[in-house]
């Protein structure tokens, strides 16, 4: 099996196919290669880009889009792009097999 860093194009990249919120800011992620991993999001909550996810009901609204986990968020007039997401490569490399 290829490591996610060795893929040559985006069609071969690991993708998050399904994501489920769990207790204590964890995500259960099913990947395009059939693996399922648990990702602990709690350490990321201290970064400003992820701070809105401290709201547990908002954290639970996670979805997948184009192979990544994301949350719909309107930053208003702040200098951030709309929505919050995290790369599937990070979810995969830092996730723990279920």
Protein backbone atom coordinates (compact mmCIF):
# COMPACT_ATOMS: atom_id res chain seq x y z
CA UNK A 1 0.00 0.00 0.00
CA UNK A 2 1.23 3.48 -0.84
CA UNK A 3 2.01 6.01 1.84
CA UNK A 4 -0.12 9.12 1.35
CA UNK A 5 2.99 11.19 0.62
CA UNK A 6 4.00 9.01 -2.33
CA UNK A 7 0.88 9.61 -4.43
CA UNK A 8 1.55 11.32 -7.75
CA UNK A 9 -1.81 13.00 -8.36
CA UNK A 10 -4.92 14.02 -6.47
CA UNK A 11 -6.94 11.07 -7.80
CA UNK A 12 -4.62 8.75 -5.84
CA UNK A 13 -4.56 10.82 -2.63
CA UNK A 14 -6.12 9.44 0.53
CA UNK A 15 -9.61 10.88 1.05
CA UNK A 16 -11.94 11.07 4.02
CA UNK A 17 -15.08 9.28 2.82
CA UNK A 18 -17.09 9.44 6.02
CA UNK A 19 -16.56 11.30 9.27
CA UNK A 20 -18.43 10.88 12.53
CA UNK A 21 -18.05 13.08 15.62
CA UNK A 22 -17.30 11.25 18.86
CA UNK A 23 -17.12 12.36 22.48
CA UNK A 24 -14.26 14.50 23.72
CA UNK A 25 -13.52 16.20 20.35
CA UNK A 26 -12.60 13.05 18.49
CA UNK A 27 -13.52 12.06 14.94
CA UNK A 28 -14.04 8.59 13.50
CA UNK A 29 -12.85 8.81 9.90
CA UNK A 30 -13.36 6.22 7.16
CA UNK A 31 -10.77 6.62 4.40
CA UNK A 32 -10.77 5.83 0.69
CA UNK A 33 -8.32 2.97 1.26
CA UNK A 34 -10.79 1.20 3.57
CA UNK A 35 -9.04 2.09 6.84
CA UNK A 36 -10.90 3.64 9.77
CA UNK A 37 -9.05 5.85 12.24
CA UNK A 38 -9.84 7.89 15.31
CA UNK A 39 -8.47 11.44 15.22
CA UNK A 40 -8.14 13.44 18.45
CA UNK A 41 -9.00 17.03 17.55
CA UNK A 42 -8.58 18.45 21.07
CA UNK A 43 -4.94 19.62 20.64
CA UNK A 44 -5.92 21.56 17.49
CA UNK A 45 -8.58 23.61 19.30
CA UNK A 46 -5.97 26.05 20.60
CA UNK A 47 -5.23 27.28 17.06
CA UNK A 48 -7.32 30.36 16.11
CA UNK A 49 -8.53 28.75 12.88
CA UNK A 50 -10.08 25.88 14.86
CA UNK A 51 -11.29 27.86 17.93
CA UNK A 52 -14.98 27.88 16.83
CA UNK A 53 -14.93 24.08 17.08
CA UNK A 54 -14.73 24.35 20.88
CA UNK A 55 -18.52 24.65 20.66
CA UNK A 56 -19.48 20.97 20.95
CA UNK A 57 -22.67 21.24 18.92
CA UNK A 58 -20.77 22.99 16.13
CA UNK A 59 -18.01 20.37 16.29
CA UNK A 60 -20.69 17.69 15.88
CA UNK A 61 -21.82 19.28 12.59
CA UNK A 62 -18.75 17.93 10.74
CA UNK A 63 -19.29 16.70 7.18
CA UNK A 64 -17.16 15.49 4.29
CA UNK A 65 -16.64 17.38 1.07
CA UNK A 66 -14.19 16.59 -1.71
CA UNK A 67 -12.38 14.06 0.47
CA UNK A 68 -11.85 16.21 3.53
CA UNK A 69 -13.61 16.90 6.84
CA UNK A 70 -15.18 20.35 7.09
CA UNK A 71 -17.53 22.53 9.08
CA UNK A 72 -19.64 25.30 7.51
CA UNK A 73 -18.70 28.55 9.23
CA UNK A 74 -19.14 32.22 8.42
CA UNK A 75 -16.20 34.23 9.72
CA UNK A 76 -17.95 37.52 8.92
CA UNK A 77 -15.45 40.24 8.19
CA UNK A 78 -12.40 38.46 9.58
CA UNK A 79 -9.48 37.58 7.35
CA UNK A 80 -10.31 33.88 7.14
CA UNK A 81 -11.86 31.92 4.30
CA UNK A 82 -15.35 30.60 4.94
CA UNK A 83 -15.64 27.13 6.41
CA UNK A 84 -13.19 25.24 8.56
CA UNK A 85 -11.49 22.12 7.28
CA UNK A 86 -8.64 19.77 7.98
CA UNK A 87 -6.63 17.90 5.38
CA UNK A 88 -7.30 14.19 5.02
CA UNK A 89 -3.55 13.58 5.09
CA UNK A 90 -3.43 15.03 8.63
CA UNK A 91 -6.44 13.00 9.73
CA UNK A 92 -4.79 9.87 8.35
CA UNK A 93 -1.24 10.41 9.60
CA UNK A 94 -2.27 11.49 13.11
CA UNK A 95 -5.24 9.15 13.42
CA UNK A 96 -5.11 5.96 15.45
CA UNK A 97 -6.44 2.77 13.84
CA UNK A 98 -9.80 1.79 15.24
